[in-house]
Amino acid sequence: MLGSAKTSGRRGAWSFLAIGLLTVLLVQVAGGALAEPRNPDGQQLELRARSLMAKLQEQYDAMERLTEQINEIGAREAGLVRQLRELERRRDRVEQELAKVQQLLNDQVRSTYMLGPGDLVGDLVTAPDLPEALNRLPLQRSILEARVAALEDVRRSKADLDSVKAQIEDALAAQRRAKQAITDQRARLKTMADQLQATLGGVDPELAAALAAAELFDEGARRASWDAFWAGGAGGRGVLGGAWYLPGAAARKAVAYALAHLGAPYVWGATGPNAFDCSGLTSAAYAAAGVAIPRVSRAQWGAGRHVDLASLIPGDLVFYADNTADPSTIHHVGMYIGRGLMVHAPHTGAVVRVASIWRSGYIGAVRVSQGGRKAGVIPPPPGPPATGPPPTMTTRRPTTTAPPTTRAPATTAPSTTSGTTTTTTVPETTVPSTTAG
């Protein structure tokens, strides 16, 4: 039984390697076709297509940064709204207490006014003895003073609440102004992106074909680069995490939810179910799996345990930033599905799709839902944490025989290692490799 499983594993590994080699070959052929045009006109055509694509991508990136800022401000605004509502409930309770104390005080004043000081004399006359009569006056006085003190306490509390409420309302107004300012900026950027899209839509068929070929080549090259990078055993660090571990139940449900929404349009601020932005897709996917994570990509960076490239399993969140040394510059997040691929909502004008994670700006990954070991598989003992910067995720196949190691965040648990590199080191996954739409 075990021998059969090993044979099956080897067969699957060899099949995956064959597919990987075929992909590399196809990318090289496509790369040759793009890199070596038949004539100067073809070269100029590719340069024009690349220039348009670079400008459009620049605008998309800028729009995504602003989108995440808007989402972040929106999350803070929602928190302020909740605080404001709680303050209003507290204020209502204080006002009810104030009304009760005020009524007691009014009754006391009215009684004193109607009866006059005679009631106090009557107390002295009807008292059984002089000491008792003298005690009644300070008792009534103390009751009145206590009610006045209670009234003053409530009035001070009400004043404090009014002050806090005013502060919250000022902060909320400031947040709304900031959100509106960013929304206005994003609207301008979207106008520019729409202009570029219109330009692309109006180009001649020859240029449109060159642009489509360049995009297809880039995605294929990213996937081939991933395969080539890990072909040596995760840069000398052993097999991928997916060879030993399975995603947890919540992670599997989150991946299934995201993949079920392939083709849904990207809409900034959307969290589904008919449209998403990047962090809206990941937060909605985990919400569907019963796990609450923050709404914004930068906040999702702290939603779980950090893992390096060698430890990725389906369900992990992968992040991209302007500065890979500074998490505060994170602007995009996707969900890993295996074999170097993620499902994500890329940018305005695109749809939820599957794409390679091998692209510039990769800063790291987070595991929201812990996985488990594969049945009948004993992972190797943990080795030392990976050190050094993340690999340079270019769209060209690495030429070094010893790929660089990956950087693990400070909170990353040690990744697994393997003493040898064999064909059984190929990652396994139940998610099929899908081309980017």
Protein backbone atom coordinates (compact mmCIF):
# COMPACT_ATOMS: atom_id res chain seq x y z
CA MET A 1 0.00 0.00 0.00
CA LEU A 2 2.80 2.36 0.95
CA GLY A 3 4.77 1.38 -2.16
CA SER A 4 1.78 2.16 -4.30
CA ALA A 5 1.43 5.60 -2.67
CA LYS A 6 5.13 6.30 -3.27
CA THR A 7 4.83 5.21 -6.89
CA SER A 8 1.79 7.45 -7.34
CA GLY A 9 3.62 10.33 -5.72
CA ARG A 10 6.62 9.87 -8.01
CA ARG A 11 4.36 9.63 -11.05
CA GLY A 12 2.61 12.87 -10.04
CA ALA A 13 5.95 14.54 -9.36
CA TRP A 14 7.36 13.53 -12.75
CA SER A 15 4.16 14.71 -14.42
CA PHE A 16 4.41 18.08 -12.72
CA LEU A 17 8.08 18.40 -13.70
CA ALA A 18 7.21 17.54 -17.29
CA ILE A 19 4.51 20.19 -17.31
CA GLY A 20 6.92 22.67 -15.76
CA LEU A 21 9.60 21.98 -18.37
CA LEU A 22 7.03 22.29 -21.15
CA THR A 23 5.91 25.63 -19.70
CA VAL A 24 9.50 26.88 -19.58
CA LEU A 25 10.01 25.79 -23.20
CA LEU A 26 6.85 27.54 -24.35
CA VAL A 27 7.81 30.70 -22.47
CA GLN A 28 11.27 30.64 -23.99
CA VAL A 29 9.76 30.26 -27.47
CA ALA A 30 7.30 33.09 -26.78
CA GLY A 31 10.11 35.14 -25.29
CA GLY A 32 12.19 34.63 -28.39
CA ALA A 33 9.31 35.74 -30.54
CA LEU A 34 8.89 38.89 -28.49
CA ALA A 35 12.55 39.62 -27.89
CA GLU A 36 13.59 39.08 -31.51
CA PRO A 37 11.06 40.73 -33.82
CA ARG A 38 11.37 39.99 -37.47
CA ASN A 39 11.71 43.63 -38.48
CA PRO A 40 12.16 47.12 -36.96
CA ASP A 41 8.43 47.75 -37.28
CA GLY A 42 7.75 44.73 -35.07
CA GLN A 43 10.24 46.00 -32.52
CA GLN A 44 8.58 49.41 -32.46
CA LEU A 45 5.21 47.72 -32.09
CA GLU A 46 6.36 45.80 -29.02
CA LEU A 47 7.94 48.92 -27.52
CA ARG A 48 4.68 50.81 -27.94
CA ALA A 49 2.73 47.97 -26.36
CA ARG A 50 5.16 47.73 -23.43
CA SER A 51 5.06 51.48 -22.91
CA LEU A 52 1.27 51.52 -22.80
CA MET A 53 1.21 48.54 -20.45
CA ALA A 54 3.73 50.18 -18.10
CA LYS A 55 1.75 53.41 -17.95
CA LEU A 56 -1.47 51.56 -17.30
CA GLN A 57 0.11 49.44 -14.57
CA GLU A 58 1.50 52.56 -12.91
CA GLN A 59 -1.97 54.04 -12.76
CA TYR A 60 -3.46 50.79 -11.47
CA ASP A 61 -0.88 50.63 -8.69
CA ALA A 62 -1.55 54.23 -7.68
CA MET A 63 -5.29 53.59 -7.66
CA GLU A 64 -4.85 50.49 -5.55
CA ARG A 65 -2.81 52.39 -2.97
CA LEU A 66 -5.54 54.99 -2.68
CA THR A 67 -8.19 52.28 -2.56
CA GLU A 68 -6.52 50.69 0.46
CA GLN A 69 -6.19 54.11 2.09
CA ILE A 70 -9.89 54.72 1.53
CA ASN A 71 -10.71 51.31 2.99
CA GLU A 72 -8.49 52.05 5.99
CA ILE A 73 -10.14 55.40 6.60
CA GLY A 74 -13.53 53.77 6.16
CA ALA A 75 -12.69 51.17 8.81
CA ARG A 76 -11.63 53.90 11.24
CA GLU A 77 -14.75 55.86 10.39
CA ALA A 78 -16.92 52.84 11.15
CA GLY A 79 -15.17 52.52 14.51
CA LEU A 80 -15.87 56.16 15.26
CA VAL A 81 -19.52 55.69 14.35
CA ARG A 82 -19.76 52.80 16.81
CA GLN A 83 -18.13 54.90 19.53
CA LEU A 84 -20.51 57.74 18.79
CA ARG A 85 -23.53 55.48 19.09
CA GLU A 86 -22.30 54.11 22.41
CA LEU A 87 -21.78 57.64 23.68
CA GLU A 88 -25.30 58.54 22.62
CA ARG A 89 -26.67 55.53 24.53
CA ARG A 90 -24.68 56.54 27.60
CA ARG A 91 -25.91 60.09 27.26
CA ASP A 92 -29.53 58.89 27.09
CA ARG A 93 -29.05 56.90 30.30
CA VAL A 94 -27.52 59.89 32.06
CA GLU A 95 -30.31 62.15 30.86
CA GLN A 96 -32.91 59.72 32.26
CA GLU A 97 -31.09 59.71 35.59
CA LEU A 98 -30.88 63.47 35.46
CA ALA A 99 -34.61 63.74 34.90
CA LYS A 100 -35.34 61.53 37.94
CA VAL A 101 -33.07 63.50 40.23
CA GLN A 102 -34.39 66.77 38.86
CA GLN A 103 -37.96 65.64 39.62
CA LEU A 104 -37.01 64.72 43.19
CA LEU A 105 -35.40 68.08 43.66
CA ASN A 106 -38.39 69.89 42.16
CA ASP A 107 -40.75 68.03 44.51
CA GLN A 108 -38.64 68.99 47.49
CA VAL A 109 -38.49 72.63 46.47
CA ARG A 110 -42.23 72.68 45.75
CA SER A 111 -42.99 71.15 49.16
CA THR A 112 -40.81 73.65 50.93
CA TYR A 113 -42.39 76.52 49.00
CA MET A 114 -45.99 75.38 49.65
CA LEU A 115 -45.59 74.48 53.32
CA GLY A 116 -43.10 77.19 54.11
CA PRO A 117 -40.97 77.04 57.21
CA GLY A 118 -44.04 76.07 59.28
CA ASP A 119 -43.47 72.42 58.54
CA LEU A 120 -40.13 72.64 60.23
CA VAL A 121 -41.76 74.31 63.28
CA GLY A 122 -44.41 71.60 63.23
CA ASP A 123 -41.66 69.01 63.39
CA LEU A 124 -40.27 70.75 66.45
CA VAL A 125 -43.72 70.88 68.11
CA THR A 126 -44.71 67.30 67.35
CA ALA A 127 -41.36 65.86 68.26
CA PRO A 128 -41.54 63.66 71.37
CA ASP A 129 -38.60 65.46 72.89
CA LEU A 130 -36.27 68.36 72.17
CA PRO A 131 -33.24 66.32 71.00
CA GLU A 132 -35.43 64.52 68.44
CA ALA A 133 -36.87 67.81 67.20
CA LEU A 134 -33.39 69.27 66.72
CA ASN A 135 -32.29 66.17 64.84
CA ARG A 136 -35.08 66.50 62.26
CA LEU A 137 -33.88 69.78 60.79
CA PRO A 138 -30.35 68.64 59.87
CA LEU A 139 -31.84 65.39 58.52
CA GLN A 140 -34.07 67.23 56.08
CA ARG A 141 -31.23 69.53 55.20
CA SER A 142 -28.90 66.63 54.48
CA ILE A 143 -31.52 64.98 52.23
CA LEU A 144 -31.88 68.19 50.25
CA GLU A 145 -28.12 68.63 50.01
CA ALA A 146 -27.70 65.01 48.87
CA ARG A 147 -30.24 65.54 46.10
CA VAL A 148 -28.52 68.74 45.00
CA ALA A 149 -25.15 66.96 45.01
CA ALA A 150 -26.57 64.11 42.94
CA LEU A 151 -27.97 66.61 40.49
CA GLU A 152 -24.61 68.33 40.17
CA ASP A 153 -22.89 64.97 39.62
CA VAL A 154 -25.24 64.10 36.81
CA ARG A 155 -24.86 67.55 35.28
CA ARG A 156 -21.07 67.16 35.33
CA SER A 157 -21.36 63.71 33.74
CA LYS A 158 -23.64 65.10 31.07
CA ALA A 159 -21.17 67.90 30.39
CA ASP A 160 -18.34 65.37 30.10
CA LEU A 161 -20.36 63.26 27.69
CA ASP A 162 -21.27 66.28 25.61
CA SER A 163 -17.57 67.15 25.41
CA VAL A 164 -16.57 63.65 24.35
CA LYS A 165 -19.38 63.49 21.84
CA ALA A 166 -18.24 66.79 20.34
CA GLN A 167 -14.71 65.41 20.04
CA ILE A 168 -15.94 62.23 18.34
CA GLU A 169 -18.09 64.22 15.95
CA ASP A 170 -15.12 66.45 15.07
CA ALA A 171 -12.93 63.39 14.49
CA LEU A 172 -15.64 61.75 12.41
CA ALA A 173 -16.00 64.88 10.30
CA ALA A 174 -12.23 64.95 9.80
CA GLN A 175 -12.25 61.32 8.72
CA ARG A 176 -15.02 61.99 6.24
CA ARG A 177 -13.12 64.96 4.82
CA ALA A 178 -9.99 62.83 4.46
CA LYS A 179 -11.94 60.03 2.84
CA GLN A 180 -13.54 62.46 0.42
CA ALA A 181 -10.14 63.93 -0.45
CA ILE A 182 -8.72 60.49 -1.23
CA THR A 183 -11.86 59.54 -3.13
CA ASP A 184 -11.45 62.66 -5.25
CA GLN A 185 -7.81 61.77 -5.95
CA ARG A 186 -8.77 58.27 -6.87
CA ALA A 187 -11.49 59.55 -9.16
CA ARG A 188 -8.86 61.59 -10.99
CA LEU A 189 -6.60 58.57 -11.25
CA LYS A 190 -9.46 56.44 -12.50
CA THR A 191 -10.16 59.04 -15.16
CA MET A 192 -6.56 58.75 -16.28
CA ALA A 193 -6.74 54.95 -16.25
CA ASP A 194 -9.99 55.06 -18.22
CA GLN A 195 -8.26 57.27 -20.76
CA LEU A 196 -5.47 54.75 -21.08
CA GLN A 197 -7.99 51.93 -21.37
CA ALA A 198 -9.77 53.86 -24.08
CA THR A 199 -6.44 54.34 -25.83
CA LEU A 200 -5.76 50.62 -25.64
CA GLY A 201 -9.27 49.85 -26.82
CA GLY A 202 -8.80 52.14 -29.80
CA VAL A 203 -5.46 50.79 -30.98
CA ASP A 204 -5.19 48.83 -34.17
CA PRO A 205 -5.49 45.04 -34.00
CA GLU A 206 -1.77 44.57 -34.54
CA LEU A 207 -0.84 46.63 -31.46
CA ALA A 208 -3.61 44.99 -29.41
CA ALA A 209 -2.24 41.56 -30.33
CA ALA A 210 1.27 42.63 -29.33
CA LEU A 211 -0.03 43.87 -25.97
CA ALA A 212 -1.93 40.63 -25.32
CA ALA A 213 1.16 38.61 -26.27
CA ALA A 214 3.33 40.65 -23.88
CA GLU A 215 0.89 40.14 -21.01
CA LEU A 216 0.65 36.41 -21.71
CA PHE A 217 4.42 36.14 -21.92
CA ASP A 218 4.92 37.95 -18.60
CA GLU A 219 2.49 35.66 -16.78
CA GLY A 220 4.03 32.54 -18.32
CA ALA A 221 7.51 33.75 -17.44
CA ARG A 222 6.48 34.32 -13.83
CA ARG A 223 5.17 30.78 -13.54
CA ALA A 224 8.28 29.37 -15.19
CA SER A 225 10.47 31.41 -12.85
CA TRP A 226 8.66 29.95 -9.84
CA ASP A 227 9.17 26.40 -11.14
CA ALA A 228 12.83 27.05 -11.89
CA PHE A 229 13.48 28.68 -8.54
CA TRP A 230 12.11 25.75 -6.56
CA ALA A 231 13.44 23.02 -8.85
CA GLY A 232 16.61 22.93 -6.71
CA GLY A 233 14.67 22.19 -3.54
CA ALA A 234 13.41 25.60 -2.38
CA GLY A 235 16.78 27.28 -2.77
CA GLY A 236 18.60 24.57 -0.86
CA ARG A 237 16.07 24.64 1.97
CA GLY A 238 14.24 21.44 1.13
CA VAL A 239 10.78 20.76 -0.22
CA LEU A 240 7.88 23.15 -0.21
CA GLY A 241 5.61 23.21 2.80
CA GLY A 242 2.79 21.81 0.68
CA ALA A 243 4.65 18.49 0.36
CA TRP A 244 4.27 17.84 4.10
CA TYR A 245 1.29 19.87 5.27
CA LEU A 246 -2.36 20.32 4.37
CA PRO A 247 -4.36 23.54 4.77
CA GLY A 248 -6.82 23.71 7.65
CA ALA A 249 -10.58 23.48 7.19
CA ALA A 250 -11.07 27.26 7.30
CA ALA A 251 -8.30 27.81 4.75
CA ARG A 252 -9.83 25.26 2.38
CA LYS A 253 -13.23 26.94 2.67
CA ALA A 254 -11.68 30.36 2.07
CA VAL A 255 -9.87 29.15 -1.06
CA ALA A 256 -13.06 27.50 -2.34
CA TYR A 257 -15.00 30.74 -1.80
CA ALA A 258 -12.43 32.84 -3.64
CA LEU A 259 -12.20 30.40 -6.57
CA ALA A 260 -15.98 30.25 -6.77
CA HIS A 261 -15.94 33.98 -7.53
CA LEU A 262 -13.49 33.88 -10.44
CA GLY A 263 -14.65 36.43 -12.98
CA ALA A 264 -16.25 38.77 -10.45
CA PRO A 265 -15.31 42.37 -11.32
CA TYR A 266 -12.89 44.45 -9.31
CA VAL A 267 -14.69 47.38 -7.68
CA TRP A 268 -12.92 49.52 -5.11
CA GLY A 269 -14.38 49.21 -1.64
CA ALA A 270 -16.37 46.08 -2.57
CA THR A 271 -16.46 43.02 -0.32
CA GLY A 272 -18.72 40.80 -2.43
CA PRO A 273 -20.57 38.81 -3.25
CA ASN A 274 -20.78 40.25 -6.77
CA ALA A 275 -17.64 42.42 -6.79
CA PHE A 276 -14.43 42.78 -4.78
CA ASP A 277 -11.28 44.74 -4.29
CA CYS A 278 -8.10 42.92 -3.25
CA SER A 279 -8.55 42.92 0.53
CA GLY A 280 -12.31 42.74 0.13
CA LEU A 281 -11.90 39.33 -1.54
CA THR A 282 -9.60 37.90 1.15
CA SER A 283 -11.68 39.22 4.05
CA ALA A 284 -14.92 37.97 2.48
CA ALA A 285 -13.40 34.55 1.78
CA TYR A 286 -12.34 34.05 5.38
CA ALA A 287 -15.61 35.49 6.67
CA ALA A 288 -17.38 32.80 4.63
CA ALA A 289 -15.12 30.27 6.39
CA GLY A 290 -16.13 31.62 9.81
CA VAL A 291 -12.88 33.52 10.46
CA ALA A 292 -12.91 37.28 10.95
CA ILE A 293 -9.85 39.13 9.67
CA PRO A 294 -9.30 42.89 9.23
CA ARG A 295 -10.73 44.61 6.18
CA VAL A 296 -7.56 46.31 4.91
CA SER A 297 -4.46 44.62 3.46
CA ARG A 298 -2.02 46.36 5.82
CA ALA A 299 -4.08 45.23 8.80
CA GLN A 300 -4.36 41.70 7.38
CA TRP A 301 -0.55 41.53 7.56
CA GLY A 302 -1.01 41.10 11.31
CA ALA A 303 -3.88 38.58 11.09
CA GLY A 304 -1.76 35.47 11.61
CA ARG A 305 1.66 33.84 11.70
CA HIS A 306 4.19 34.95 9.11
CA VAL A 307 5.55 32.21 6.85
CA ASP A 308 8.23 32.24 4.17
CA LEU A 309 8.00 31.04 0.57
CA ALA A 310 9.15 27.52 1.40
CA SER A 311 6.27 27.09 3.85
CA LEU A 312 3.34 28.32 1.75
CA ILE A 313 0.19 26.21 1.67
CA PRO A 314 -3.25 27.03 0.17
CA GLY A 315 -5.12 29.65 2.16
CA ASP A 316 -2.06 31.69 3.13
CA LEU A 317 -2.28 35.40 2.34
CA VAL A 318 0.50 36.82 0.15
CA PHE A 319 1.33 40.53 0.28
CA TYR A 320 2.94 43.12 -1.99
CA ALA A 321 4.40 46.47 -1.00
CA ASP A 322 6.18 49.48 -2.46
CA ASN A 323 9.05 48.88 -0.03
CA THR A 324 9.62 45.22 0.84
CA ALA A 325 11.34 46.27 4.08
CA ASP A 326 8.37 48.32 5.28
CA PRO A 327 4.96 46.62 5.86
CA SER A 328 3.29 50.03 6.13
CA THR A 329 3.70 50.32 2.34
CA ILE A 330 1.65 47.16 1.62
CA HIS A 331 -0.93 47.87 -1.07
CA HIS A 332 -2.03 44.46 -2.39
CA VAL A 333 -2.98 41.04 -1.04
CA GLY A 334 -3.90 37.73 -2.67
CA MET A 335 -4.70 34.21 -1.47
CA TYR A 336 -2.25 31.40 -2.19
CA ILE A 337 -3.78 28.30 -3.81
CA GLY A 338 -0.67 26.18 -4.45
CA ARG A 339 1.99 25.71 -7.15
CA GLY A 340 3.11 29.32 -6.94
CA LEU A 341 -0.35 30.66 -7.79
CA MET A 342 -2.78 32.96 -6.04
CA VAL A 343 -6.37 34.01 -6.55
CA HIS A 344 -6.76 37.78 -6.29
CA ALA A 345 -8.67 40.84 -7.42
CA PRO A 346 -5.98 42.73 -9.38
CA HIS A 347 -7.19 46.22 -10.26
CA THR A 348 -9.96 48.33 -11.74
CA GLY A 349 -11.04 46.97 -15.09
CA ALA A 350 -9.99 43.42 -14.22
CA VAL A 351 -11.79 40.48 -12.64
CA VAL A 352 -10.98 38.01 -9.87
CA ARG A 353 -8.42 35.69 -11.43
CA VAL A 354 -5.64 33.20 -10.81
CA ALA A 355 -2.08 34.45 -11.32
CA SER A 356 1.50 33.75 -10.31
CA ILE A 357 2.69 35.13 -6.99
CA TRP A 358 6.12 35.64 -8.59
CA ARG A 359 6.05 39.37 -9.15
CA SER A 360 7.86 42.46 -7.91
CA GLY A 361 6.96 43.93 -4.53
CA TYR A 362 6.43 40.59 -2.74
CA ILE A 363 7.01 41.25 0.97
CA GLY A 364 5.82 38.03 2.64
CA ALA A 365 2.91 35.82 3.63
CA VAL A 366 0.63 35.23 6.61
CA ARG A 367 -1.11 32.03 7.69
CA VAL A 368 -4.55 32.84 9.04
CA SER A 369 -5.70 29.24 9.51
CA GLN A 370 -3.22 26.64 10.77
CA GLY A 371 -2.86 23.46 8.73
CA GLY A 372 -2.04 19.86 9.63
CA ARG A 373 0.38 17.16 8.57
CA LYS A 374 -0.43 14.91 5.66
CA ALA A 375 -1.45 11.40 6.64
CA GLY A 376 1.39 8.87 6.47
CA VAL A 377 4.02 11.57 5.87
CA ILE A 378 6.71 12.43 8.38
CA PRO A 379 8.16 15.89 7.75
CA PRO A 380 11.90 16.40 8.25
CA PRO A 381 13.11 18.05 11.45
CA PRO A 382 12.89 21.84 11.44
CA GLY A 383 15.99 23.64 10.28
CA PRO A 384 17.26 27.15 10.87
CA PRO A 385 15.06 30.06 9.79
CA ALA A 386 15.63 31.44 6.32
CA THR A 387 17.74 34.57 6.21
CA GLY A 388 18.44 37.29 3.71
CA PRO A 389 16.15 39.38 1.49
CA PRO A 390 13.27 37.91 -0.51
CA PRO A 391 14.24 36.52 -3.91
CA THR A 392 14.17 38.94 -6.80
CA MET A 393 10.90 38.02 -8.45
CA THR A 394 11.65 38.89 -12.04
CA THR A 395 9.89 37.46 -15.06
CA ARG A 396 13.08 35.85 -16.25
CA ARG A 397 14.19 32.41 -15.33
CA PRO A 398 17.02 32.51 -12.70
CA THR A 399 20.45 31.63 -14.07
CA THR A 400 22.13 30.75 -10.78
CA THR A 401 22.48 27.13 -9.80
CA ALA A 402 21.96 27.98 -6.13
CA PRO A 403 18.90 30.26 -5.81
CA PRO A 404 18.99 32.81 -2.99
CA THR A 405 17.31 32.03 0.28
CA THR A 406 14.09 33.71 1.31
CA ARG A 407 13.65 36.14 4.16
CA ALA A 408 11.44 35.11 7.06
CA PRO A 409 9.84 37.81 9.25
CA ALA A 410 10.87 37.98 12.88
CA THR A 411 7.76 36.10 13.96
CA THR A 412 8.19 33.27 11.42
CA ALA A 413 8.45 29.77 12.80
CA PRO A 414 11.38 27.69 11.44
CA SER A 415 10.62 26.13 8.10
CA THR A 416 11.14 22.50 7.23
CA THR A 417 14.25 21.33 5.42
CA SER A 418 15.26 18.25 3.52
CA GLY A 419 18.64 16.64 3.30
CA THR A 420 18.37 15.74 -0.40
CA THR A 421 16.62 17.05 -3.44
CA THR A 422 14.61 14.48 -5.39
CA THR A 423 11.60 14.50 -7.61
CA THR A 424 9.39 13.98 -4.59
CA THR A 425 10.07 17.58 -3.58
CA VAL A 426 7.52 18.86 -6.06
CA PRO A 427 4.63 20.60 -4.24
CA GLU A 428 1.26 18.93 -4.27
CA THR A 429 -2.10 20.64 -4.45
CA THR A 430 -5.64 19.85 -5.43
CA VAL A 431 -6.02 23.22 -7.14
CA PRO A 432 -5.38 23.02 -10.88
CA SER A 433 -3.01 25.40 -12.55
CA THR A 434 -5.13 28.03 -14.26
CA THR A 435 -4.02 30.73 -16.65
CA ALA A 436 -4.60 34.33 -15.77
CA GLY A 437 -7.63 35.82 -17.39
